[in-house]
Amino acid sequence: MNYILFDGQVRDSLLPFTFTRPVADIRIGILTIREKWETLLETVTSTKTEEYLSVKYPLKAEAVNVLIDGSFVPDRALADQVSKLKEGQALAAGDITVAYCTKDPHKEYNTGSFDTLVFTGRTFRVENTWDIFSRNGEALQADFELLTQGRKSEPIPKTNSVIHPENIFLEKGAKVEYSILNASEGPIYLGKNSLVMEGNMIRGGLALCENAVVKMGAKIYGPTTIGPFGKVCGEINNSVIFGYSSKGHDGYLGNSVLGEWCNIGADSNNSNLKNNYAKVRLWNYATERFEQTGLQFCGLMMGDHSKTAINTMFNTGTVIGVNSNIYASGFPRNFVPSFSWGGATGFSTYYPKKAFEAAEVMMARRGVAFDKVEADILDYVFEITKKWRNYPR
């Protein structure tokens, strides 16, 4: 069967992260949502997404196709039900369609054209940006069980102080020495060729993905995910950092999500709790206003390619778009549009030519090319986010 992951109705509520990727390519737990589906279905998927993203994430159609809402985080029970769908059938959880089977994946879905089956098991769906960190613990636990079942961890070096070693798994090439690993409240997963330098204190759950690095003297509280090739230090609590991003120095990051190719300057900090302990409101691109999260702890949401200078400060519940550069003393406002340059004293437009020069250098350091496909995506994001940038020239 040919499986296609589509963005669904929540795509705009997951901006700024879905400006540059389909919903299914959000990382939560150890794996992205796509990687979870592909592992459980034992196949490769393609994507039905926004037209400007389709060059990088193309749709592959076959004679019969199963389209899956990419916001659903699968378990074995859900994946099994989806795998059994026949042409003309759909699977729903409540009033939301999880998947449907059709000959024409380009055709708009119409519930009346399908025989709808009802999934009665528990479902897990990423519907808001804050779900990525607030539900990271359950996703991390599920991924840990999925990836380690029936397998044996590489040996944990004896120089470490370890609590509950049965909840710790080292992939081949993972290195950790002279650190404290406490897996009593969540698993600790060290991906292939990852590195935990000396003198770190880690309290699970933690997912340190392939080739990611924890520098010396970090304090990490779970559930936290560091994506592939990420680099971190300082104090981190219940945060998800997508691949290739760096928070490589002291400073606090809590209840936050960083996209790819972000860089947090030394001694930068975010607040994750309001002084009056009130529930946090967060900018929502779908409604174009600040919406209630229902959370008392909520920090920073930062889109791909955004960066901060040293000693940058963020208020509780701050949203930073794609390709923004934040600096200067004081707290910038709680919503910074994409392609912004500045800080608390004011912003100007960060034009693509200048932004792309920085992206090209940063990506080259990790052996990744900044090509025309990436440039075209970001150019499009620049254009569609103009309405939020009212900066003087």
Protein backbone atom coordinates (compact mmCIF):
# COMPACT_ATOMS: atom_id res chain seq x y z
CA MET A 1 0.00 0.00 0.00
CA ASN A 2 1.15 3.56 -0.75
CA TYR A 3 0.95 5.89 2.26
CA ILE A 4 0.74 9.68 2.03
CA LEU A 5 0.81 12.03 5.02
CA PHE A 6 -1.25 15.20 4.67
CA ASP A 7 -1.22 18.38 6.77
CA GLY A 8 -4.86 18.51 7.84
CA GLN A 9 -6.77 21.31 9.54
CA VAL A 10 -4.24 22.13 12.26
CA ARG A 11 -1.41 23.17 9.97
CA ASP A 12 -1.80 26.92 10.60
CA SER A 13 -1.99 26.40 14.37
CA LEU A 14 1.44 24.76 14.19
CA LEU A 15 3.14 27.74 12.54
CA PRO A 16 5.95 28.91 12.62
CA PHE A 17 7.23 25.32 12.51
CA THR A 18 5.06 24.38 9.54
CA PHE A 19 6.18 27.37 7.49
CA THR A 20 9.17 25.23 6.51
CA ARG A 21 7.99 21.61 6.87
CA PRO A 22 4.85 19.47 6.67
CA VAL A 23 3.05 18.71 9.93
CA ALA A 24 4.34 15.13 9.84
CA ASP A 25 7.95 16.29 10.02
CA ILE A 26 7.55 17.82 13.47
CA ARG A 27 9.76 16.05 16.00
CA ILE A 28 8.14 14.97 19.26
CA GLY A 29 9.66 12.29 21.47
CA ILE A 30 12.65 10.70 19.74
CA LEU A 31 11.27 10.50 16.20
CA THR A 32 9.37 12.82 13.90
CA ILE A 33 5.69 11.95 13.37
CA ARG A 34 6.61 10.71 9.89
CA GLU A 35 9.35 8.46 11.25
CA LYS A 36 6.88 6.96 13.73
CA TRP A 37 4.41 6.09 10.95
CA GLU A 38 7.15 4.69 8.73
CA THR A 39 8.53 2.53 11.54
CA LEU A 40 5.12 1.11 12.45
CA LEU A 41 3.95 0.64 8.85
CA GLU A 42 7.39 -0.60 7.75
CA THR A 43 7.40 1.55 4.63
CA VAL A 44 8.38 4.93 3.21
CA THR A 45 5.77 7.70 3.01
CA SER A 46 5.33 10.78 0.85
CA THR A 47 3.52 14.05 1.52
CA LYS A 48 0.51 16.12 0.51
CA THR A 49 1.32 19.63 1.66
CA GLU A 50 1.40 23.29 0.61
CA GLU A 51 2.43 23.82 -3.01
CA TYR A 52 5.54 25.83 -2.10
CA LEU A 53 6.80 22.94 0.06
CA SER A 54 6.03 20.21 -2.47
CA VAL A 55 9.35 20.41 -4.33
CA LYS A 56 11.18 19.39 -1.16
CA TYR A 57 8.35 17.13 0.04
CA PRO A 58 6.77 15.65 -3.13
CA LEU A 59 3.64 13.54 -3.30
CA LYS A 60 4.07 10.05 -4.73
CA ALA A 61 0.80 8.59 -6.04
CA GLU A 62 0.11 4.92 -6.82
CA ALA A 63 -2.95 3.02 -8.06
CA VAL A 64 -4.38 2.91 -4.51
CA ASN A 65 -3.30 5.27 -1.73
CA VAL A 66 -3.93 5.71 1.98
CA LEU A 67 -3.81 9.34 3.08
CA ILE A 68 -3.06 9.90 6.77
CA ASP A 69 -3.54 13.08 8.79
CA GLY A 70 0.04 13.94 9.79
CA SER A 71 -1.01 15.48 13.11
CA PHE A 72 -1.86 12.04 14.54
CA VAL A 73 0.98 10.46 16.51
CA PRO A 74 0.54 6.73 15.92
CA ASP A 75 0.77 3.73 18.18
CA ARG A 76 0.63 0.12 17.01
CA ALA A 77 -3.15 -0.12 17.37
CA LEU A 78 -3.82 2.95 15.21
CA ALA A 79 -1.22 2.00 12.61
CA ASP A 80 -2.70 -1.50 12.40
CA GLN A 81 -6.20 -0.12 11.72
CA VAL A 82 -4.87 2.26 9.07
CA SER A 83 -2.98 -0.56 7.35
CA LYS A 84 -6.23 -2.52 6.95
CA LEU A 85 -8.13 0.19 5.06
CA LYS A 86 -9.54 -0.77 1.68
CA GLU A 87 -10.36 1.53 -1.23
CA GLY A 88 -13.39 3.69 -0.37
CA GLN A 89 -12.92 3.30 3.38
CA ALA A 90 -11.97 5.94 5.93
CA LEU A 91 -10.97 5.75 9.58
CA ALA A 92 -12.19 8.35 12.05
CA ALA A 93 -11.46 9.17 15.68
CA GLY A 94 -14.51 11.00 16.95
CA ASP A 95 -15.40 13.54 14.27
CA ILE A 96 -11.83 13.77 12.87
CA THR A 97 -10.75 11.66 9.90
CA VAL A 98 -7.46 9.94 10.65
CA ALA A 99 -6.98 8.30 7.24
CA TYR A 100 -8.79 7.35 4.04
CA CYS A 101 -8.07 5.07 1.08
CA THR A 102 -8.52 6.38 -2.46
CA LYS A 103 -7.32 6.03 -6.04
CA ASP A 104 -6.98 9.81 -6.43
CA PRO A 105 -4.93 11.48 -3.66
CA HIS A 106 -5.26 14.89 -5.33
CA LYS A 107 -9.03 14.93 -5.01
CA GLU A 108 -10.52 16.87 -2.09
CA TYR A 109 -11.71 14.56 0.68
CA ASN A 110 -15.49 14.24 1.06
CA THR A 111 -16.83 12.21 3.98
CA GLY A 112 -19.95 11.26 2.03
CA SER A 113 -17.87 9.37 -0.53
CA PHE A 114 -16.35 6.98 2.01
CA ASP A 115 -17.48 4.17 4.26
CA THR A 116 -16.22 5.49 7.59
CA LEU A 117 -14.95 3.14 10.27
CA VAL A 118 -14.56 4.35 13.87
CA PHE A 119 -11.34 3.91 15.79
CA THR A 120 -12.24 3.30 19.44
CA GLY A 121 -8.73 3.27 20.88
CA ARG A 122 -6.83 6.16 22.41
CA THR A 123 -5.46 8.75 19.99
CA PHE A 124 -2.66 11.29 20.36
CA ARG A 125 -2.70 14.35 18.14
CA VAL A 126 -0.40 17.39 17.88
CA GLU A 127 -2.79 20.31 17.40
CA ASN A 128 -0.93 23.30 18.87
CA THR A 129 2.69 24.42 19.08
CA TRP A 130 2.74 23.94 22.84
CA ASP A 131 1.66 20.30 22.47
CA ILE A 132 5.17 19.59 21.15
CA PHE A 133 6.81 20.16 24.54
CA SER A 134 3.84 19.57 26.87
CA ARG A 135 3.20 16.08 25.46
CA ASN A 136 6.83 15.26 24.74
CA GLY A 137 7.06 12.94 27.73
CA GLU A 138 4.46 10.45 26.54
CA ALA A 139 5.83 10.55 22.99
CA LEU A 140 9.36 9.98 24.26
CA GLN A 141 8.31 7.00 26.37
CA ALA A 142 6.43 5.44 23.44
CA ASP A 143 9.35 5.94 21.04
CA PHE A 144 11.80 4.52 23.58
CA GLU A 145 9.73 1.34 23.84
CA LEU A 146 9.29 1.16 20.06
CA LEU A 147 12.98 1.58 19.25
CA THR A 148 14.50 -0.54 22.03
CA GLN A 149 12.10 -3.48 22.24
CA GLY A 150 14.02 -6.74 21.95
CA ARG A 151 17.35 -4.92 21.64
CA LYS A 152 20.31 -4.55 23.98
CA SER A 153 21.91 -1.23 24.83
CA GLU A 154 25.58 -0.58 24.30
CA PRO A 155 27.38 -0.75 27.69
CA ILE A 156 27.06 2.31 29.95
CA PRO A 157 30.61 3.31 30.96
CA LYS A 158 31.33 2.78 34.65
CA THR A 159 32.59 6.35 35.13
CA ASN A 160 28.96 7.52 35.19
CA SER A 161 26.63 7.66 38.18
CA VAL A 162 23.48 5.85 37.03
CA ILE A 163 19.97 5.53 38.48
CA HIS A 164 17.64 2.96 36.85
CA PRO A 165 20.04 1.76 34.13
CA GLU A 166 17.26 -0.43 32.69
CA ASN A 167 15.66 2.80 31.39
CA ILE A 168 18.82 3.96 29.65
CA PHE A 169 19.70 2.96 26.08
CA LEU A 170 22.88 3.79 24.16
CA GLU A 171 22.94 3.28 20.42
CA LYS A 172 26.15 2.30 18.63
CA GLY A 173 28.79 5.01 18.86
CA ALA A 174 27.07 6.92 21.69
CA LYS A 175 29.54 8.23 24.27
CA VAL A 176 28.98 9.38 27.85
CA GLU A 177 31.57 9.66 30.63
CA TYR A 178 31.67 11.09 34.17
CA SER A 179 28.05 12.24 34.17
CA ILE A 180 24.94 11.67 36.28
CA LEU A 181 22.15 9.80 34.45
CA ASN A 182 18.89 9.56 36.39
CA ALA A 183 16.21 7.63 34.50
CA SER A 184 13.82 7.24 37.41
CA GLU A 185 11.18 9.60 35.94
CA GLY A 186 11.68 8.92 32.25
CA PRO A 187 13.94 7.03 29.84
CA ILE A 188 17.28 8.31 28.59
CA TYR A 189 18.03 7.54 24.94
CA LEU A 190 21.42 8.36 23.43
CA GLY A 191 21.28 8.08 19.65
CA LYS A 192 23.90 6.82 17.24
CA ASN A 193 27.22 8.69 17.55
CA SER A 194 25.79 11.14 20.10
CA LEU A 195 28.08 12.59 22.76
CA VAL A 196 27.55 13.58 26.38
CA MET A 197 30.71 15.31 27.56
CA GLU A 198 31.99 15.16 31.13
CA GLY A 199 30.27 16.65 34.15
CA ASN A 200 26.65 16.68 33.03
CA MET A 201 23.53 16.18 35.15
CA ILE A 202 20.71 14.58 33.19
CA ARG A 203 17.29 13.72 34.60
CA GLY A 204 15.14 11.81 32.11
CA GLY A 205 13.32 11.60 29.97
CA LEU A 206 15.89 12.65 27.43
CA ALA A 207 16.21 11.92 23.74
CA LEU A 208 19.65 12.85 22.44
CA CYS A 209 19.33 12.04 18.76
CA GLU A 210 21.94 10.95 16.26
CA ASN A 211 25.19 12.97 16.33
CA ALA A 212 23.81 15.41 18.93
CA VAL A 213 26.09 16.78 21.65
CA VAL A 214 25.67 17.81 25.28
CA LYS A 215 28.63 20.02 26.20
CA MET A 216 30.25 20.04 29.65
CA GLY A 217 28.36 21.11 32.74
CA ALA A 218 24.80 21.03 31.42
CA LYS A 219 21.73 20.54 33.62
CA ILE A 220 18.93 18.87 31.69
CA TYR A 221 15.48 18.12 33.09
CA GLY A 222 13.10 15.95 31.12
CA PRO A 223 11.17 15.38 29.16
CA THR A 224 13.57 16.99 26.68
CA THR A 225 14.52 16.17 23.08
CA ILE A 226 17.68 17.28 21.29
CA GLY A 227 17.33 16.55 17.57
CA PRO A 228 20.01 15.19 15.22
CA PHE A 229 23.25 17.20 15.13
CA GLY A 230 21.94 19.52 17.87
CA LYS A 231 24.36 20.99 20.40
CA VAL A 232 23.33 22.08 23.90
CA CYS A 233 24.65 23.30 27.24
CA GLY A 234 23.40 25.34 30.21
CA GLU A 235 20.05 24.60 31.86
CA ILE A 236 17.26 23.02 29.80
CA ASN A 237 13.86 21.91 31.05
CA ASN A 238 11.05 20.12 29.15
CA SER A 239 12.01 21.47 25.72
CA VAL A 240 12.17 20.11 22.16
CA ILE A 241 15.00 21.24 19.90
CA PHE A 242 14.72 20.15 16.29
CA GLY A 243 17.77 19.01 14.30
CA TYR A 244 20.89 21.09 13.64
CA SER A 245 20.11 23.77 16.22
CA SER A 246 22.46 25.00 18.94
CA LYS A 247 22.08 26.22 22.48
CA GLY A 248 25.74 25.71 23.17
CA HIS A 249 26.34 27.91 26.23
CA ASP A 250 25.03 28.77 29.69
CA GLY A 251 21.53 30.21 29.97
CA TYR A 252 18.03 28.84 30.59
CA LEU A 253 15.63 27.29 28.09
CA GLY A 254 12.38 25.93 29.50
CA ASN A 255 9.04 24.62 28.17
CA SER A 256 10.11 25.66 24.71
CA VAL A 257 10.43 24.49 21.10
CA LEU A 258 13.21 25.48 18.68
CA GLY A 259 13.06 24.66 14.98
CA GLU A 260 16.03 23.66 12.81
CA TRP A 261 19.15 25.79 12.25
CA CYS A 262 18.47 28.00 15.28
CA ASN A 263 21.26 29.40 17.42
CA ILE A 264 20.83 30.68 20.97
CA GLY A 265 23.58 33.09 22.09
CA ALA A 266 25.51 32.66 25.32
CA ASP A 267 23.66 33.54 28.55
CA SER A 268 20.32 33.94 26.75
CA ASN A 269 17.29 33.08 28.88
CA ASN A 270 13.57 32.63 28.52
CA SER A 271 10.86 32.97 31.15
CA ASN A 272 8.45 30.04 31.34
CA LEU A 273 6.27 31.30 34.22
CA LYS A 274 4.44 34.61 34.64
CA ASN A 275 5.09 36.62 37.81
CA ASN A 276 1.40 36.37 38.75
CA TYR A 277 1.31 32.61 37.98
CA ALA A 278 -1.48 33.15 35.44
CA LYS A 279 -2.08 30.80 32.52
CA VAL A 280 -0.03 31.71 29.46
CA ARG A 281 -1.42 33.17 26.22
CA LEU A 282 0.50 32.51 23.00
CA TRP A 283 0.36 33.99 19.50
CA ASN A 284 -1.68 31.78 17.17
CA TYR A 285 -1.16 32.25 13.42
CA ALA A 286 -4.47 30.56 12.62
CA THR A 287 -6.54 33.15 14.49
CA GLU A 288 -3.95 35.97 14.27
CA ARG A 289 -4.26 36.78 17.95
CA PHE A 290 -2.97 35.60 21.32
CA GLU A 291 -4.81 32.49 22.49
CA GLN A 292 -5.02 30.83 25.88
CA THR A 293 -2.83 27.72 26.16
CA GLY A 294 -4.26 26.56 29.48
CA LEU A 295 -0.65 26.10 30.65
CA GLN A 296 1.03 27.77 33.59
CA PHE A 297 4.47 26.96 32.15
CA CYS A 298 5.11 27.98 28.54
CA GLY A 299 8.31 29.48 27.17
CA LEU A 300 9.69 30.19 23.70
CA MET A 301 8.54 29.01 20.25
CA MET A 302 11.21 29.76 17.61
CA GLY A 303 10.97 28.99 13.89
CA ASP A 304 13.77 27.68 11.67
CA HIS A 305 16.92 29.74 11.04
CA SER A 306 16.21 32.23 13.84
CA LYS A 307 19.02 33.32 16.14
CA THR A 308 19.78 35.37 19.24
CA ALA A 309 22.78 37.40 20.32
CA ILE A 310 24.38 36.90 23.74
CA ASN A 311 22.34 37.84 26.82
CA THR A 312 19.02 37.90 24.95
CA MET A 313 15.92 37.74 27.18
CA PHE A 314 12.47 36.40 26.30
CA ASN A 315 9.21 36.86 28.19
CA THR A 316 6.87 34.00 29.02
CA GLY A 317 5.02 32.78 25.94
CA THR A 318 7.10 34.34 23.14
CA VAL A 319 6.73 33.31 19.49
CA ILE A 320 9.57 34.02 17.03
CA GLY A 321 9.02 33.41 13.32
CA VAL A 322 11.39 32.04 10.68
CA ASN A 323 14.76 33.66 9.91
CA SER A 324 14.68 36.34 12.61
CA ASN A 325 17.73 37.75 14.37
CA ILE A 326 17.14 39.00 17.92
CA TYR A 327 19.59 41.15 19.87
CA ALA A 328 19.85 44.22 22.16
CA SER A 329 19.04 44.55 25.85
CA GLY A 330 15.52 44.26 27.27
CA PHE A 331 12.63 41.98 26.35
CA PRO A 332 11.37 41.98 22.75
CA ARG A 333 7.61 41.74 22.30
CA ASN A 334 5.89 38.36 22.64
CA PHE A 335 5.37 37.94 18.91
CA VAL A 336 8.23 38.60 16.48
CA PRO A 337 7.30 38.05 12.81
CA SER A 338 9.49 36.12 10.41
CA PHE A 339 12.46 37.93 8.84
CA SER A 340 12.77 40.46 11.67
CA TRP A 341 16.06 42.05 12.75
CA GLY A 342 16.37 43.81 16.12
CA GLY A 343 15.03 43.60 19.64
CA ALA A 344 13.34 45.54 22.44
CA THR A 345 14.46 48.87 20.96
CA GLY A 346 12.77 48.15 17.63
CA PHE A 347 12.86 45.96 14.53
CA SER A 348 13.64 46.27 10.85
CA THR A 349 13.16 43.79 8.02
CA TYR A 350 15.81 41.07 7.72
CA TYR A 351 15.88 40.76 3.94
CA PRO A 352 16.38 37.33 2.35
CA LYS A 353 19.72 38.12 0.67
CA LYS A 354 21.35 38.89 4.02
CA ALA A 355 19.52 36.09 5.83
CA PHE A 356 20.52 33.53 3.19
CA GLU A 357 24.20 34.45 3.48
CA ALA A 358 24.09 33.54 7.19
CA ALA A 359 22.10 30.34 6.52
CA GLU A 360 24.57 29.21 3.86
CA VAL A 361 27.54 29.61 6.22
CA MET A 362 25.79 27.93 9.17
CA MET A 363 24.60 24.95 7.13
CA ALA A 364 27.99 24.49 5.46
CA ARG A 365 29.54 24.06 8.92
CA ARG A 366 27.40 20.92 9.30
CA GLY A 367 28.10 19.69 5.78
CA VAL A 368 24.65 20.62 4.44
CA ALA A 369 24.15 22.74 1.33
CA PHE A 370 21.83 25.75 1.31
CA ASP A 371 20.35 25.16 -2.13
CA LYS A 372 17.72 26.73 -4.37
CA VAL A 373 14.98 24.52 -2.92
CA GLU A 374 15.62 25.93 0.57
CA ALA A 375 15.95 29.47 -0.76
CA ASP A 376 12.65 29.25 -2.67
CA ILE A 377 10.80 28.01 0.43
CA LEU A 378 12.18 30.84 2.56
CA ASP A 379 11.52 33.42 -0.17
CA TYR A 380 7.89 32.33 -0.16
CA VAL A 381 7.72 32.56 3.64
CA PHE A 382 9.17 36.06 3.42
CA GLU A 383 6.37 37.11 1.07
CA ILE A 384 3.46 35.55 2.98
CA THR A 385 4.60 37.00 6.32
CA LYS A 386 4.92 40.61 5.12
CA LYS A 387 1.57 41.57 6.65
CA TRP A 388 2.99 41.16 10.17
CA ARG A 389 6.08 43.31 9.50
CA ASN A 390 5.28 47.02 9.65
CA TYR A 391 8.87 48.18 9.95
CA PRO A 392 10.37 51.39 8.57
CA ARG A 393 12.72 50.97 5.65
